PDB file of all heavy atoms in Angstrom:
ATOM      1  N   HIS A   1     114.773 118.138 109.513  1.00  0.00           N
ATOM      2  CA  HIS A   1     116.172 118.292 109.084  1.00  0.00           C
ATOM      3  C   HIS A   1     116.317 118.732 107.639  1.00  0.00           C
ATOM      4  O   HIS A   1     117.427 118.841 107.147  1.00  0.00           O
ATOM      5  CB  HIS A   1     116.914 116.949 109.212  1.00  0.00           C
ATOM      6  CG  HIS A   1     116.706 116.253 110.499  1.00  0.00           C
ATOM      7  ND1 HIS A   1     116.095 115.030 110.600  1.00  0.00           N
ATOM      8  CD2 HIS A   1     116.997 116.622 111.762  1.00  0.00           C
ATOM      9  CE1 HIS A   1     116.039 114.669 111.851  1.00  0.00           C
ATOM     10  NE2 HIS A   1     116.575 115.616 112.581  1.00  0.00           N
ATOM     11  N   SER A   2     115.225 118.934 106.951  1.00  0.00           N
ATOM     12  CA  SER A   2     115.280 119.145 105.504  1.00  0.00           C
ATOM     13  C   SER A   2     114.785 120.521 105.092  1.00  0.00           C
ATOM     14  O   SER A   2     113.868 121.078 105.704  1.00  0.00           O
ATOM     15  CB  SER A   2     114.424 118.071 104.816  1.00  0.00           C
ATOM     16  OG  SER A   2     114.415 118.275 103.430  1.00  0.00           O
ATOM     17  N   ASP A   3     115.375 121.046 104.032  1.00  0.00           N
ATOM     18  CA  ASP A   3     114.873 122.268 103.416  1.00  0.00           C
ATOM     19  C   ASP A   3     113.854 121.953 102.330  1.00  0.00           C
ATOM     20  O   ASP A   3     113.222 122.856 101.795  1.00  0.00           O
ATOM     21  CB  ASP A   3     116.026 123.071 102.797  1.00  0.00           C
ATOM     22  CG  ASP A   3     116.949 123.650 103.863  1.00  0.00           C
ATOM     23  OD1 ASP A   3     116.478 123.918 104.976  1.00  0.00           O
ATOM     24  OD2 ASP A   3     118.148 123.803 103.579  1.00  0.00           O
ATOM     25  N   HIS A   4     113.716 120.676 101.972  1.00  0.00           N
ATOM     26  CA  HIS A   4     112.737 120.275 100.972  1.00  0.00           C
ATOM     27  C   HIS A   4     111.346 120.337 101.581  1.00  0.00           C
ATOM     28  O   HIS A   4     111.147 119.993 102.744  1.00  0.00           O
ATOM     29  CB  HIS A   4     113.041 118.864 100.458  1.00  0.00           C
ATOM     30  CG  HIS A   4     114.301 118.792  99.683  1.00  0.00           C
ATOM     31  ND1 HIS A   4     114.379 119.162  98.362  1.00  0.00           N
ATOM     32  CD2 HIS A   4     115.549 118.416 100.055  1.00  0.00           C
ATOM     33  CE1 HIS A   4     115.620 119.006  97.947  1.00  0.00           C
ATOM     34  NE2 HIS A   4     116.350 118.560  98.946  1.00  0.00           N
ATOM     35  N   ILE A   5     110.385 120.779 100.784  1.00  0.00           N
ATOM     36  CA  ILE A   5     109.037 121.006 101.309  1.00  0.00           C
ATOM     37  C   ILE A   5     108.020 120.053 100.698  1.00  0.00           C
ATOM     38  O   ILE A   5     108.266 119.430  99.672  1.00  0.00           O
ATOM     39  CB  ILE A   5     108.607 122.479 101.082  1.00  0.00           C
ATOM     40  CG1 ILE A   5     108.602 122.833  99.594  1.00  0.00           C
ATOM     41  CG2 ILE A   5     109.507 123.427 101.872  1.00  0.00           C
ATOM     42  CD1 ILE A   5     108.060 124.227  99.279  1.00  0.00           C
ATOM     43  N   VAL A   6     106.879 119.971 101.343  1.00  0.00           N
ATOM     44  CA  VAL A   6     105.803 119.076 100.920  1.00  0.00           C
ATOM     45  C   VAL A   6     105.379 119.365  99.482  1.00  0.00           C
ATOM     46  O   VAL A   6     105.049 118.442  98.732  1.00  0.00           O
ATOM     47  CB  VAL A   6     104.612 119.169 101.895  1.00  0.00           C
ATOM     48  CG1 VAL A   6     103.427 118.368 101.405  1.00  0.00           C
ATOM     49  CG2 VAL A   6     105.038 118.708 103.287  1.00  0.00           C
ATOM     50  N   ALA A   7     105.403 120.610  99.060  1.00  0.00           N
ATOM     51  CA  ALA A   7     105.017 120.960  97.686  1.00  0.00           C
ATOM     52  C   ALA A   7     105.864 120.212  96.659  1.00  0.00           C
ATOM     53  O   ALA A   7     105.367 119.863  95.584  1.00  0.00           O
ATOM     54  CB  ALA A   7     105.126 122.464  97.463  1.00  0.00           C
ATOM     55  N   GLU A   8     107.110 119.941  96.969  1.00  0.00           N
ATOM     56  CA  GLU A   8     107.961 119.173  96.053  1.00  0.00           C
ATOM     57  C   GLU A   8     107.430 117.753  95.877  1.00  0.00           C
ATOM     58  O   GLU A   8     107.437 117.213  94.766  1.00  0.00           O
ATOM     59  CB  GLU A   8     109.396 119.126  96.564  1.00  0.00           C
ATOM     60  CG  GLU A   8     110.085 120.476  96.530  1.00  0.00           C
ATOM     61  CD  GLU A   8     111.468 120.405  97.109  1.00  0.00           C
ATOM     62  OE1 GLU A   8     112.385 119.897  96.421  1.00  0.00           O
ATOM     63  OE2 GLU A   8     111.643 120.858  98.253  1.00  0.00           O
ATOM     64  N   ALA A   9     106.964 117.170  96.964  1.00  0.00           N
ATOM     65  CA  ALA A   9     106.389 115.823  96.897  1.00  0.00           C
ATOM     66  C   ALA A   9     105.100 115.829  96.090  1.00  0.00           C
ATOM     67  O   ALA A   9     104.860 114.939  95.270  1.00  0.00           O
ATOM     68  CB  ALA A   9     106.126 115.293  98.303  1.00  0.00           C
ATOM     69  N   VAL A  10     104.282 116.839  96.293  1.00  0.00           N
ATOM     70  CA  VAL A  10     103.026 116.948  95.551  1.00  0.00           C
ATOM     71  C   VAL A  10     103.305 117.119  94.064  1.00  0.00           C
ATOM     72  O   VAL A  10     102.660 116.484  93.221  1.00  0.00           O
ATOM     73  CB  VAL A  10     102.168 118.105  96.103  1.00  0.00           C
ATOM     74  CG1 VAL A  10     100.958 118.381  95.215  1.00  0.00           C
ATOM     75  CG2 VAL A  10     101.722 117.796  97.530  1.00  0.00           C
ATOM     76  N   GLU A  11     104.266 117.926  93.722  1.00  0.00           N
ATOM     77  CA  GLU A  11     104.647 118.095  92.314  1.00  0.00           C
ATOM     78  C   GLU A  11     105.126 116.772  91.721  1.00  0.00           C
ATOM     79  O   GLU A  11     104.810 116.449  90.577  1.00  0.00           O
ATOM     80  CB  GLU A  11     105.746 119.158  92.171  1.00  0.00           C
ATOM     81  CG  GLU A  11     105.235 120.569  92.245  1.00  0.00           C
ATOM     82  CD  GLU A  11     104.360 120.948  91.063  1.00  0.00           C
ATOM     83  OE1 GLU A  11     104.767 120.741  89.904  1.00  0.00           O
ATOM     84  OE2 GLU A  11     103.251 121.446  91.314  1.00  0.00           O
ATOM     85  N   ALA A  12     105.881 116.013  92.507  1.00  0.00           N
ATOM     86  CA  ALA A  12     106.361 114.703  92.031  1.00  0.00           C
ATOM     87  C   ALA A  12     105.194 113.773  91.731  1.00  0.00           C
ATOM     88  O   ALA A  12     105.219 113.034  90.750  1.00  0.00           O
ATOM     89  CB  ALA A  12     107.291 114.074  93.061  1.00  0.00           C
ATOM     90  N   VAL A  13     104.164 113.821  92.546  1.00  0.00           N
ATOM     91  CA  VAL A  13     102.983 112.977  92.340  1.00  0.00           C
ATOM     92  C   VAL A  13     102.174 113.478  91.149  1.00  0.00           C
ATOM     93  O   VAL A  13     101.806 112.696  90.266  1.00  0.00           O
ATOM     94  CB  VAL A  13     102.100 112.939  93.614  1.00  0.00           C
ATOM     95  CG1 VAL A  13     100.753 112.284  93.339  1.00  0.00           C
ATOM     96  CG2 VAL A  13     102.837 112.215  94.731  1.00  0.00           C
ATOM     97  N   GLU A  14     101.915 114.765  91.103  1.00  0.00           N
ATOM     98  CA  GLU A  14     101.028 115.324  90.081  1.00  0.00           C
ATOM     99  C   GLU A  14     101.662 115.459  88.700  1.00  0.00           C
ATOM    100  O   GLU A  14     100.950 115.399  87.700  1.00  0.00           O
ATOM    101  CB  GLU A  14     100.498 116.682  90.551  1.00  0.00           C
ATOM    102  CG  GLU A  14      99.557 116.555  91.738  1.00  0.00           C
ATOM    103  CD  GLU A  14      99.021 117.887  92.219  1.00  0.00           C
ATOM    104  OE1 GLU A  14      99.464 118.958  91.727  1.00  0.00           O
ATOM    105  OE2 GLU A  14      98.155 117.862  93.106  1.00  0.00           O
ATOM    106  N   HIS A  15     102.983 115.645  88.634  1.00  0.00           N
ATOM    107  CA  HIS A  15     103.596 115.943  87.335  1.00  0.00           C
ATOM    108  C   HIS A  15     104.729 115.012  86.925  1.00  0.00           C
ATOM    109  O   HIS A  15     105.215 115.107  85.800  1.00  0.00           O
ATOM    110  CB  HIS A  15     104.096 117.390  87.314  1.00  0.00           C
ATOM    111  CG  HIS A  15     102.997 118.384  87.533  1.00  0.00           C
ATOM    112  ND1 HIS A  15     102.050 118.660  86.581  1.00  0.00           N
ATOM    113  CD2 HIS A  15     102.669 119.123  88.617  1.00  0.00           C
ATOM    114  CE1 HIS A  15     101.198 119.543  87.057  1.00  0.00           C
ATOM    115  NE2 HIS A  15     101.541 119.834  88.292  1.00  0.00           N
ATOM    116  N   GLU A  16     105.171 114.142  87.844  1.00  0.00           N
ATOM    117  CA  GLU A  16     106.287 113.255  87.513  1.00  0.00           C
ATOM    118  C   GLU A  16     105.920 111.782  87.627  1.00  0.00           C
ATOM    119  O   GLU A  16     106.772 110.919  87.449  1.00  0.00           O
ATOM    120  CB  GLU A  16     107.479 113.554  88.427  1.00  0.00           C
ATOM    121  CG  GLU A  16     108.036 114.954  88.245  1.00  0.00           C
ATOM    122  CD  GLU A  16     109.159 115.256  89.204  1.00  0.00           C
ATOM    123  OE1 GLU A  16     109.773 114.308  89.746  1.00  0.00           O
ATOM    124  OE2 GLU A  16     109.444 116.444  89.423  1.00  0.00           O
ATOM    125  N   GLY A  17     104.684 111.501  87.954  1.00  0.00           N
ATOM    126  CA  GLY A  17     104.223 110.126  88.000  1.00  0.00           C
ATOM    127  C   GLY A  17     104.604 109.351  89.254  1.00  0.00           C
ATOM    128  O   GLY A  17     104.474 108.128  89.281  1.00  0.00           O
ATOM    129  N   ALA A  18     105.074 110.025  90.281  1.00  0.00           N
ATOM    130  CA  ALA A  18     105.380 109.321  91.524  1.00  0.00           C
ATOM    131  C   ALA A  18     104.087 108.813  92.139  1.00  0.00           C
ATOM    132  O   ALA A  18     103.104 109.550  92.236  1.00  0.00           O
ATOM    133  CB  ALA A  18     106.105 110.254  92.502  1.00  0.00           C
ATOM    134  N   ALA A  19     104.084 107.558  92.529  1.00  0.00           N
ATOM    135  CA  ALA A  19     102.866 106.970  93.077  1.00  0.00           C
ATOM    136  C   ALA A  19     103.045 106.498  94.515  1.00  0.00           C
ATOM    137  O   ALA A  19     102.061 106.315  95.217  1.00  0.00           O
ATOM    138  CB  ALA A  19     102.415 105.793  92.210  1.00  0.00           C
ATOM    139  N   ARG A  20     104.273 106.282  94.925  1.00  0.00           N
ATOM    140  CA  ARG A  20     104.559 105.729  96.251  1.00  0.00           C
ATOM    141  C   ARG A  20     105.472 106.660  97.026  1.00  0.00           C
ATOM    142  O   ARG A  20     106.264 107.404  96.446  1.00  0.00           O
ATOM    143  CB  ARG A  20     105.247 104.360  96.112  1.00  0.00           C
ATOM    144  CG  ARG A  20     104.544 103.317  95.259  1.00  0.00           C
ATOM    145  CD  ARG A  20     103.192 102.877  95.801  1.00  0.00           C
ATOM    146  NE  ARG A  20     103.226 102.498  97.200  1.00  0.00           N
ATOM    147  CZ  ARG A  20     103.345 101.263  97.642  1.00  0.00           C
ATOM    148  NH1 ARG A  20     103.449 100.262  96.803  1.00  0.00           N
ATOM    149  NH2 ARG A  20     103.371 101.024  98.944  1.00  0.00           N
ATOM    150  N   LEU A  21     105.390 106.593  98.332  1.00  0.00           N
ATOM    151  CA  LEU A  21     106.241 107.407  99.193  1.00  0.00           C
ATOM    152  C   LEU A  21     107.717 107.130  98.915  1.00  0.00           C
ATOM    153  O   LEU A  21     108.519 108.059  98.843  1.00  0.00           O
ATOM    154  CB  LEU A  21     105.910 107.124 100.663  1.00  0.00           C
ATOM    155  CG  LEU A  21     106.694 107.931 101.693  1.00  0.00           C
ATOM    156  CD1 LEU A  21     106.375 109.420 101.576  1.00  0.00           C
ATOM    157  CD2 LEU A  21     106.402 107.420 103.096  1.00  0.00           C
ATOM    158  N   ALA A  22     108.058 105.866  98.727  1.00  0.00           N
ATOM    159  CA  ALA A  22     109.458 105.518  98.452  1.00  0.00           C
ATOM    160  C   ALA A  22     109.951 106.191  97.175  1.00  0.00           C
ATOM    161  O   ALA A  22     111.085 106.672  97.121  1.00  0.00           O
ATOM    162  CB  ALA A  22     109.616 104.008  98.340  1.00  0.00           C
ATOM    163  N   ASP A  23     109.123 106.233  96.165  1.00  0.00           N
ATOM    164  CA  ASP A  23     109.509 106.887  94.915  1.00  0.00           C
ATOM    165  C   ASP A  23     109.767 108.374  95.155  1.00  0.00           C
ATOM    166  O   ASP A  23     110.739 108.935  94.664  1.00  0.00           O
ATOM    167  CB  ASP A  23     108.419 106.691  93.857  1.00  0.00           C
ATOM    168  CG  ASP A  23     108.850 107.145  92.480  1.00  0.00           C
ATOM    169  OD1 ASP A  23     110.064 107.138  92.192  1.00  0.00           O
ATOM    170  OD2 ASP A  23     107.967 107.496  91.686  1.00  0.00           O
ATOM    171  N   ILE A  24     108.909 108.999  95.944  1.00  0.00           N
ATOM    172  CA  ILE A  24     109.080 110.423  96.246  1.00  0.00           C
ATOM    173  C   ILE A  24     110.378 110.647  97.007  1.00  0.00           C
ATOM    174  O   ILE A  24     111.209 111.477  96.612  1.00  0.00           O
ATOM    175  CB  ILE A  24     107.890 110.955  97.076  1.00  0.00           C
ATOM    176  CG1 ILE A  24     106.594 110.915  96.274  1.00  0.00           C
ATOM    177  CG2 ILE A  24     108.180 112.373  97.572  1.00  0.00           C
ATOM    178  CD1 ILE A  24     105.334 111.114  97.105  1.00  0.00           C
ATOM    179  N   LEU A  25     110.584 109.915  98.101  1.00  0.00           N
ATOM    180  CA  LEU A  25     111.694 110.178  99.011  1.00  0.00           C
ATOM    181  C   LEU A  25     113.040 109.640  98.548  1.00  0.00           C
ATOM    182  O   LEU A  25     114.083 110.120  98.994  1.00  0.00           O
ATOM    183  CB  LEU A  25     111.378 109.608 100.393  1.00  0.00           C
ATOM    184  CG  LEU A  25     110.144 110.176 101.082  1.00  0.00           C
ATOM    185  CD1 LEU A  25     109.929 109.481 102.424  1.00  0.00           C
ATOM    186  CD2 LEU A  25     110.235 111.684 101.254  1.00  0.00           C
ATOM    187  N   LEU A  26     113.039 108.652  97.657  1.00  0.00           N
ATOM    188  CA  LEU A  26     114.306 108.074  97.192  1.00  0.00           C
ATOM    189  C   LEU A  26     114.705 108.518  95.793  1.00  0.00           C
ATOM    190  O   LEU A  26     115.890 108.510  95.459  1.00  0.00           O
ATOM    191  CB  LEU A  26     114.236 106.542  97.221  1.00  0.00           C
ATOM    192  CG  LEU A  26     114.190 105.923  98.606  1.00  0.00           C
ATOM    193  CD1 LEU A  26     113.850 104.440  98.518  1.00  0.00           C
ATOM    194  CD2 LEU A  26     115.523 106.130  99.326  1.00  0.00           C
ATOM    195  N   ARG A  27     113.739 108.881  94.956  1.00  0.00           N
ATOM    196  CA  ARG A  27     114.074 109.203  93.570  1.00  0.00           C
ATOM    197  C   ARG A  27     113.668 110.606  93.125  1.00  0.00           C
ATOM    198  O   ARG A  27     114.423 111.266  92.417  1.00  0.00           O
ATOM    199  CB  ARG A  27     113.447 108.154  92.645  1.00  0.00           C
ATOM    200  CG  ARG A  27     114.173 106.824  92.724  1.00  0.00           C
ATOM    201  CD  ARG A  27     113.493 105.746  91.911  1.00  0.00           C
ATOM    202  NE  ARG A  27     112.293 105.242  92.547  1.00  0.00           N
ATOM    203  CZ  ARG A  27     112.270 104.418  93.590  1.00  0.00           C
ATOM    204  NH1 ARG A  27     113.387 104.027  94.149  1.00  0.00           N
ATOM    205  NH2 ARG A  27     111.123 103.988  94.082  1.00  0.00           N
ATOM    206  N   ARG A  28     112.516 111.074  93.488  1.00  0.00           N
ATOM    207  CA  ARG A  28     112.042 112.381  92.992  1.00  0.00           C
ATOM    208  C   ARG A  28     112.586 113.536  93.815  1.00  0.00           C
ATOM    209  O   ARG A  28     113.028 114.534  93.285  1.00  0.00           O
ATOM    210  CB  ARG A  28     110.516 112.435  92.969  1.00  0.00           C
ATOM    211  CG  ARG A  28     109.846 111.275  92.276  1.00  0.00           C
ATOM    212  CD  ARG A  28     110.378 111.058  90.876  1.00  0.00           C
ATOM    213  NE  ARG A  28     109.822 109.823  90.351  1.00  0.00           N
ATOM    214  CZ  ARG A  28     109.320 109.687  89.154  1.00  0.00           C
ATOM    215  NH1 ARG A  28     109.339 110.686  88.311  1.00  0.00           N
ATOM    216  NH2 ARG A  28     108.830 108.533  88.778  1.00  0.00           N
ATOM    217  N   VAL A  29     112.487 113.425  95.124  1.00  0.00           N
ATOM    218  CA  VAL A  29     113.044 114.399  96.063  1.00  0.00           C
ATOM    219  C   VAL A  29     113.924 113.565  97.000  1.00  0.00           C
ATOM    220  O   VAL A  29     113.505 113.205  98.078  1.00  0.00           O
ATOM    221  CB  VAL A  29     111.927 115.112  96.874  1.00  0.00           C
ATOM    222  CG1 VAL A  29     112.512 116.222  97.726  1.00  0.00           C
ATOM    223  CG2 VAL A  29     110.822 115.646  95.976  1.00  0.00           C
ATOM    224  N   PRO A  30     115.122 113.201  96.579  1.00  0.00           N
ATOM    225  CA  PRO A  30     115.878 112.146  97.262  1.00  0.00           C
ATOM    226  C   PRO A  30     116.410 112.506  98.653  1.00  0.00           C
ATOM    227  O   PRO A  30     117.573 112.298  98.967  1.00  0.00           O
ATOM    228  CB  PRO A  30     117.007 111.847  96.276  1.00  0.00           C
ATOM    229  CG  PRO A  30     117.189 113.108  95.523  1.00  0.00           C
ATOM    230  CD  PRO A  30     115.820 113.730  95.420  1.00  0.00           C
ATOM    231  N   VAL A  31     115.530 113.009  99.501  1.00  0.00           N
ATOM    232  CA  VAL A  31     115.936 113.374 100.855  1.00  0.00           C
ATOM    233  C   VAL A  31     116.246 112.159 101.718  1.00  0.00           C
ATOM    234  O   VAL A  31     117.028 112.248 102.660  1.00  0.00           O
ATOM    235  CB  VAL A  31     114.871 114.242 101.555  1.00  0.00           C
ATOM    236  CG1 VAL A  31     114.737 115.591 100.881  1.00  0.00           C
ATOM    237  CG2 VAL A  31     113.533 113.537 101.611  1.00  0.00           C
ATOM    238  N   ALA A  32     115.648 111.017 101.434  1.00  0.00           N
ATOM    239  CA  ALA A  32     115.856 109.826 102.260  1.00  0.00           C
ATOM    240  C   ALA A  32     117.245 109.226 102.075  1.00  0.00           C
ATOM    241  O   ALA A  32     117.590 108.265 102.748  1.00  0.00           O
ATOM    242  CB  ALA A  32     114.780 108.784 101.963  1.00  0.00           C
ATOM    243  N   LEU A  33     118.042 109.810 101.206  1.00  0.00           N
ATOM    244  CA  LEU A  33     119.409 109.349 101.016  1.00  0.00           C
ATOM    245  C   LEU A  33     120.407 110.204 101.795  1.00  0.00           C
ATOM    246  O   LEU A  33     121.600 109.929 101.764  1.00  0.00           O
ATOM    247  CB  LEU A  33     119.768 109.354  99.525  1.00  0.00           C
ATOM    248  CG  LEU A  33     118.898 108.459  98.658  1.00  0.00           C
ATOM    249  CD1 LEU A  33     119.296 108.600  97.195  1.00  0.00           C
ATOM    250  CD2 LEU A  33     118.983 107.012  99.110  1.00  0.00           C
ATOM    251  N   SER A  34     119.915 111.217 102.492  1.00  0.00           N
ATOM    252  CA  SER A  34     120.812 112.084 103.254  1.00  0.00           C
ATOM    253  C   SER A  34     121.299 111.368 104.506  1.00  0.00           C
ATOM    254  O   SER A  34     120.671 110.430 105.002  1.00  0.00           O
ATOM    255  CB  SER A  34     120.118 113.398 103.623  1.00  0.00           C
ATOM    256  OG  SER A  34     119.079 113.154 104.548  1.00  0.00           O
ATOM    257  N   ALA A  35     122.423 111.806 105.018  1.00  0.00           N
ATOM    258  CA  ALA A  35     123.062 111.148 106.159  1.00  0.00           C
ATOM    259  C   ALA A  35     122.212 111.189 107.420  1.00  0.00           C
ATOM    260  O   ALA A  35     122.271 110.277 108.235  1.00  0.00           O
ATOM    261  CB  ALA A  35     124.420 111.786 106.426  1.00  0.00           C
ATOM    262  N   CYS A  36     121.414 112.225 107.607  1.00  0.00           N
ATOM    263  CA  CYS A  36     120.650 112.344 108.848  1.00  0.00           C
ATOM    264  C   CYS A  36     119.250 111.734 108.757  1.00  0.00           C
ATOM    265  O   CYS A  36     118.513 111.737 109.734  1.00  0.00           O
ATOM    266  CB  CYS A  36     120.554 113.804 109.268  1.00  0.00           C
ATOM    267  SG  CYS A  36     119.454 114.805 108.241  1.00  0.00           S
TER     268      CYS A  36
END
């Protein structure tokens, strides 16, 4: 359902200090907050 890609998650881990899936999906690439 998303236009966001895995590369965004990898960038969040490698360059933004994201360490957990929740951090990626809720704060760095906040797709987990979408209605669907």
